[in-house]
């Protein structure tokens, strides 16, 4: 089941997408930026408004991938421990 869910994941990217304002008090001049850390370096990039939906999906897919991988590793550890316990009897 996890492998099937992994196959459904598209392009992934880490980070968080926020809307910023050139004038925060008046909330005018809105723009989007994505902030993330990759290879121990923090980065920030501007995102054009027509790419916001796509970038949000990529971030959702990245978070889904992380959760699935954590579950897969946990199941692998559990399987390994059980199989060693059974074979040592």
N, C-alpha and C. Protein backbone atom coordinates (compact mmCIF):
# COMPACT_ATOMS: atom_id res chain seq x y z
N UNK A 1 0.82 -1.19 0.00
CA UNK A 1 0.00 0.00 0.00
C UNK A 1 0.87 1.26 0.00
N UNK A 2 1.93 1.28 0.79
CA UNK A 2 2.79 2.46 0.82
C UNK A 2 3.45 2.67 -0.53
N UNK A 3 3.91 1.59 -1.16
CA UNK A 3 4.54 1.72 -2.48
C UNK A 3 3.57 2.31 -3.49
N UNK A 4 2.32 1.90 -3.43
CA UNK A 4 1.31 2.42 -4.35
C UNK A 4 1.11 3.92 -4.11
N UNK A 5 1.09 4.33 -2.86
CA UNK A 5 0.93 5.76 -2.55
C UNK A 5 2.16 6.55 -3.00
N UNK A 6 3.33 5.95 -2.88
CA UNK A 6 4.55 6.63 -3.32
C UNK A 6 4.53 6.86 -4.84
N UNK A 7 3.99 5.91 -5.58
CA UNK A 7 3.93 6.04 -7.03
C UNK A 7 3.03 7.20 -7.47
N UNK A 8 2.07 7.56 -6.63
CA UNK A 8 1.13 8.63 -6.97
C UNK A 8 1.72 10.02 -6.76
N UNK A 9 2.82 10.11 -6.05
CA UNK A 9 3.40 11.41 -5.73
C UNK A 9 4.09 11.98 -6.95
N UNK A 10 3.84 13.25 -7.19
CA UNK A 10 4.44 13.92 -8.34
C UNK A 10 5.73 14.62 -7.95
N UNK A 11 5.93 15.79 -8.52
CA UNK A 11 7.11 16.60 -8.23
C UNK A 11 7.02 17.07 -6.78
N UNK A 12 8.13 17.01 -6.08
CA UNK A 12 8.14 17.42 -4.68
C UNK A 12 9.13 18.55 -4.46
N UNK A 13 8.80 19.39 -3.49
CA UNK A 13 9.76 20.42 -3.06
C UNK A 13 9.45 20.75 -1.61
N UNK A 14 10.51 20.94 -0.82
CA UNK A 14 10.31 21.28 0.58
C UNK A 14 9.96 22.76 0.72
N UNK A 15 9.51 23.13 1.88
CA UNK A 15 9.36 24.54 2.17
C UNK A 15 7.98 24.95 2.60
N UNK A 16 7.86 26.25 2.75
CA UNK A 16 6.57 26.85 3.06
C UNK A 16 6.38 28.04 2.14
N UNK A 17 5.16 28.19 1.70
CA UNK A 17 4.82 29.26 0.77
C UNK A 17 4.03 30.31 1.54
N UNK A 18 4.47 31.55 1.47
CA UNK A 18 3.79 32.62 2.18
C UNK A 18 3.53 33.80 1.24
N UNK A 19 2.49 34.56 1.60
CA UNK A 19 2.22 35.80 0.87
C UNK A 19 2.83 36.93 1.69
N UNK A 20 3.59 37.74 1.03
CA UNK A 20 4.23 38.89 1.66
C UNK A 20 3.66 40.16 1.03
N UNK A 21 3.90 41.27 1.67
CA UNK A 21 3.43 42.55 1.16
C UNK A 21 4.56 43.56 1.15
N UNK A 22 4.62 44.34 0.07
CA UNK A 22 5.61 45.42 0.01
C UNK A 22 5.32 46.47 1.07
N UNK A 23 4.03 46.70 1.33
CA UNK A 23 3.62 47.59 2.40
C UNK A 23 2.70 46.80 3.33
N UNK A 24 3.27 46.17 4.35
CA UNK A 24 2.47 45.30 5.23
C UNK A 24 1.35 46.02 5.98
N UNK A 25 1.56 47.27 6.32
CA UNK A 25 0.52 48.01 7.07
C UNK A 25 -0.73 48.20 6.23
N UNK A 26 -0.54 48.54 4.97
CA UNK A 26 -1.68 48.75 4.07
C UNK A 26 -2.07 47.47 3.32
N UNK A 27 -1.23 46.45 3.47
CA UNK A 27 -1.43 45.16 2.79
C UNK A 27 -1.55 45.36 1.28
N UNK A 28 -0.62 46.09 0.72
CA UNK A 28 -0.59 46.31 -0.73
C UNK A 28 0.72 45.78 -1.29
N UNK A 29 0.70 45.52 -2.58
CA UNK A 29 1.91 45.01 -3.24
C UNK A 29 2.19 43.56 -2.86
N UNK A 30 1.16 42.72 -2.89
CA UNK A 30 1.31 41.32 -2.49
C UNK A 30 2.20 40.54 -3.46
N UNK A 31 2.99 39.65 -2.90
CA UNK A 31 3.80 38.72 -3.68
C UNK A 31 3.98 37.45 -2.86
N UNK A 32 4.40 36.39 -3.50
CA UNK A 32 4.58 35.10 -2.83
C UNK A 32 6.05 34.74 -2.80
N UNK A 33 6.41 34.04 -1.73
CA UNK A 33 7.77 33.51 -1.67
C UNK A 33 7.75 32.15 -0.99
N UNK A 34 8.66 31.30 -1.42
CA UNK A 34 8.81 29.98 -0.83
C UNK A 34 10.15 29.98 -0.09
N UNK A 35 10.12 29.48 1.14
CA UNK A 35 11.33 29.37 1.95
C UNK A 35 11.55 27.91 2.28
N UNK A 36 12.80 27.47 2.18
CA UNK A 36 13.10 26.07 2.46
C UNK A 36 14.57 25.91 2.80
N UNK A 37 14.89 24.74 3.34
CA UNK A 37 16.26 24.39 3.63
C UNK A 37 16.58 23.14 2.83
N UNK A 38 17.70 23.17 2.11
CA UNK A 38 18.14 22.03 1.32
C UNK A 38 19.65 21.94 1.44
N UNK A 39 20.12 20.75 1.77
CA UNK A 39 21.56 20.53 1.99
C UNK A 39 22.13 21.51 3.00
N UNK A 40 21.37 21.70 4.07
CA UNK A 40 21.75 22.54 5.20
C UNK A 40 21.91 24.02 4.83
N UNK A 41 21.28 24.45 3.77
CA UNK A 41 21.30 25.86 3.39
C UNK A 41 19.87 26.36 3.26
N UNK A 42 19.60 27.47 3.92
CA UNK A 42 18.28 28.09 3.82
C UNK A 42 18.20 28.92 2.55
N UNK A 43 17.05 28.81 1.91
CA UNK A 43 16.85 29.54 0.66
C UNK A 43 15.46 30.14 0.63
N UNK A 44 15.35 31.23 -0.08
CA UNK A 44 14.06 31.87 -0.30
C UNK A 44 13.98 32.24 -1.77
N UNK A 45 12.83 31.99 -2.37
CA UNK A 45 12.66 32.31 -3.79
C UNK A 45 11.27 32.92 -4.00
N UNK A 46 11.20 33.83 -4.94
CA UNK A 46 9.91 34.41 -5.30
C UNK A 46 9.14 33.43 -6.17
N UNK A 47 7.82 33.46 -6.04
CA UNK A 47 6.95 32.59 -6.83
C UNK A 47 5.91 33.49 -7.50
N UNK A 48 5.82 33.40 -8.81
CA UNK A 48 4.80 34.18 -9.53
C UNK A 48 3.41 33.65 -9.18
N UNK A 49 2.46 34.55 -9.16
CA UNK A 49 1.10 34.21 -8.73
C UNK A 49 0.52 33.03 -9.51
N UNK A 50 0.81 32.92 -10.79
CA UNK A 50 0.21 31.83 -11.57
C UNK A 50 0.87 30.47 -11.29
N UNK A 51 1.96 30.44 -10.50
CA UNK A 51 2.58 29.18 -10.11
C UNK A 51 2.25 28.77 -8.68
N UNK A 52 1.51 29.59 -7.95
CA UNK A 52 1.24 29.34 -6.53
C UNK A 52 0.54 28.00 -6.32
N UNK A 53 -0.48 27.71 -7.10
CA UNK A 53 -1.22 26.46 -6.94
C UNK A 53 -0.29 25.25 -7.14
N UNK A 54 0.54 25.32 -8.16
CA UNK A 54 1.49 24.24 -8.48
C UNK A 54 2.51 24.05 -7.35
N UNK A 55 3.05 25.13 -6.84
CA UNK A 55 4.04 25.05 -5.77
C UNK A 55 3.40 24.51 -4.49
N UNK A 56 2.18 24.92 -4.21
CA UNK A 56 1.48 24.39 -3.02
C UNK A 56 1.33 22.87 -3.13
N UNK A 57 0.98 22.38 -4.31
CA UNK A 57 0.84 20.93 -4.50
C UNK A 57 2.18 20.22 -4.32
N UNK A 58 3.25 20.80 -4.82
CA UNK A 58 4.58 20.22 -4.67
C UNK A 58 4.98 20.14 -3.20
N UNK A 59 4.64 21.15 -2.43
CA UNK A 59 4.94 21.15 -0.99
C UNK A 59 4.09 20.11 -0.28
N UNK A 60 2.81 20.01 -0.65
CA UNK A 60 1.94 18.97 -0.05
C UNK A 60 2.49 17.58 -0.36
N UNK A 61 2.91 17.36 -1.62
CA UNK A 61 3.46 16.06 -2.00
C UNK A 61 4.76 15.76 -1.25
N UNK A 62 5.57 16.77 -1.02
CA UNK A 62 6.81 16.58 -0.26
C UNK A 62 6.49 16.14 1.17
N UNK A 63 5.53 16.80 1.80
CA UNK A 63 5.16 16.43 3.17
C UNK A 63 4.55 15.03 3.22
N UNK A 64 3.77 14.69 2.22
CA UNK A 64 3.20 13.34 2.14
C UNK A 64 4.32 12.30 1.98
N UNK A 65 5.29 12.62 1.13
CA UNK A 65 6.43 11.72 0.93
C UNK A 65 7.18 11.48 2.23
N UNK A 66 7.43 12.54 2.98
CA UNK A 66 8.14 12.40 4.26
C UNK A 66 7.39 11.48 5.22
N UNK A 67 6.07 11.65 5.30
CA UNK A 67 5.26 10.81 6.19
C UNK A 67 5.27 9.35 5.74
N UNK A 68 5.13 9.13 4.43
CA UNK A 68 5.14 7.76 3.91
C UNK A 68 6.49 7.09 4.15
N UNK A 69 7.57 7.82 3.92
CA UNK A 69 8.91 7.26 4.12
C UNK A 69 9.14 6.92 5.59
N UNK A 70 8.70 7.78 6.49
CA UNK A 70 8.84 7.51 7.92
C UNK A 70 8.08 6.24 8.30
N UNK A 71 6.88 6.09 7.75
CA UNK A 71 6.07 4.89 8.03
C UNK A 71 6.74 3.65 7.45
N UNK A 72 7.27 3.75 6.24
CA UNK A 72 7.93 2.62 5.58
C UNK A 72 9.15 2.18 6.38
N UNK A 73 9.93 3.12 6.85
CA UNK A 73 11.11 2.80 7.65
C UNK A 73 10.69 2.14 8.97
N UNK A 74 9.66 2.68 9.61
CA UNK A 74 9.18 2.09 10.87
C UNK A 74 8.72 0.65 10.66
N UNK A 75 8.01 0.41 9.57
CA UNK A 75 7.56 -0.95 9.28
C UNK A 75 8.74 -1.86 8.96
N UNK A 76 9.74 -1.34 8.27
CA UNK A 76 10.94 -2.13 7.97
C UNK A 76 11.68 -2.53 9.22
N UNK A 77 11.79 -1.63 10.17
CA UNK A 77 12.45 -1.94 11.44
C UNK A 77 11.66 -3.00 12.19
N UNK A 78 10.35 -2.82 12.24
CA UNK A 78 9.48 -3.79 12.93
C UNK A 78 9.60 -5.17 12.28
N UNK A 79 9.58 -5.21 10.95
CA UNK A 79 9.70 -6.48 10.23
C UNK A 79 11.04 -7.14 10.53
N UNK A 80 12.10 -6.37 10.49
CA UNK A 80 13.43 -6.90 10.74
C UNK A 80 13.54 -7.50 12.14
N UNK A 81 13.04 -6.78 13.12
CA UNK A 81 13.09 -7.27 14.50
C UNK A 81 12.28 -8.54 14.66
N UNK A 82 11.08 -8.58 14.10
CA UNK A 82 10.25 -9.77 14.22
C UNK A 82 10.86 -10.97 13.50
N UNK A 83 11.40 -10.76 12.32
CA UNK A 83 11.97 -11.89 11.58
C UNK A 83 13.21 -12.44 12.27
N UNK A 84 14.04 -11.58 12.86
CA UNK A 84 15.21 -12.07 13.61
C UNK A 84 14.78 -12.83 14.86
N UNK A 85 13.73 -12.32 15.52
CA UNK A 85 13.23 -13.00 16.73
C UNK A 85 12.69 -14.37 16.38
N UNK A 86 11.95 -14.49 15.28
CA UNK A 86 11.40 -15.77 14.87
C UNK A 86 12.49 -16.76 14.45
N UNK A 87 13.50 -16.28 13.75
CA UNK A 87 14.57 -17.18 13.30
C UNK A 87 15.51 -17.61 14.41
N UNK A 88 15.54 -16.88 15.51
CA UNK A 88 16.43 -17.27 16.60
C UNK A 88 15.81 -18.32 17.52
N UNK A 89 14.58 -18.66 17.27
CA UNK A 89 13.91 -19.70 18.10
C UNK A 89 14.26 -21.07 17.62
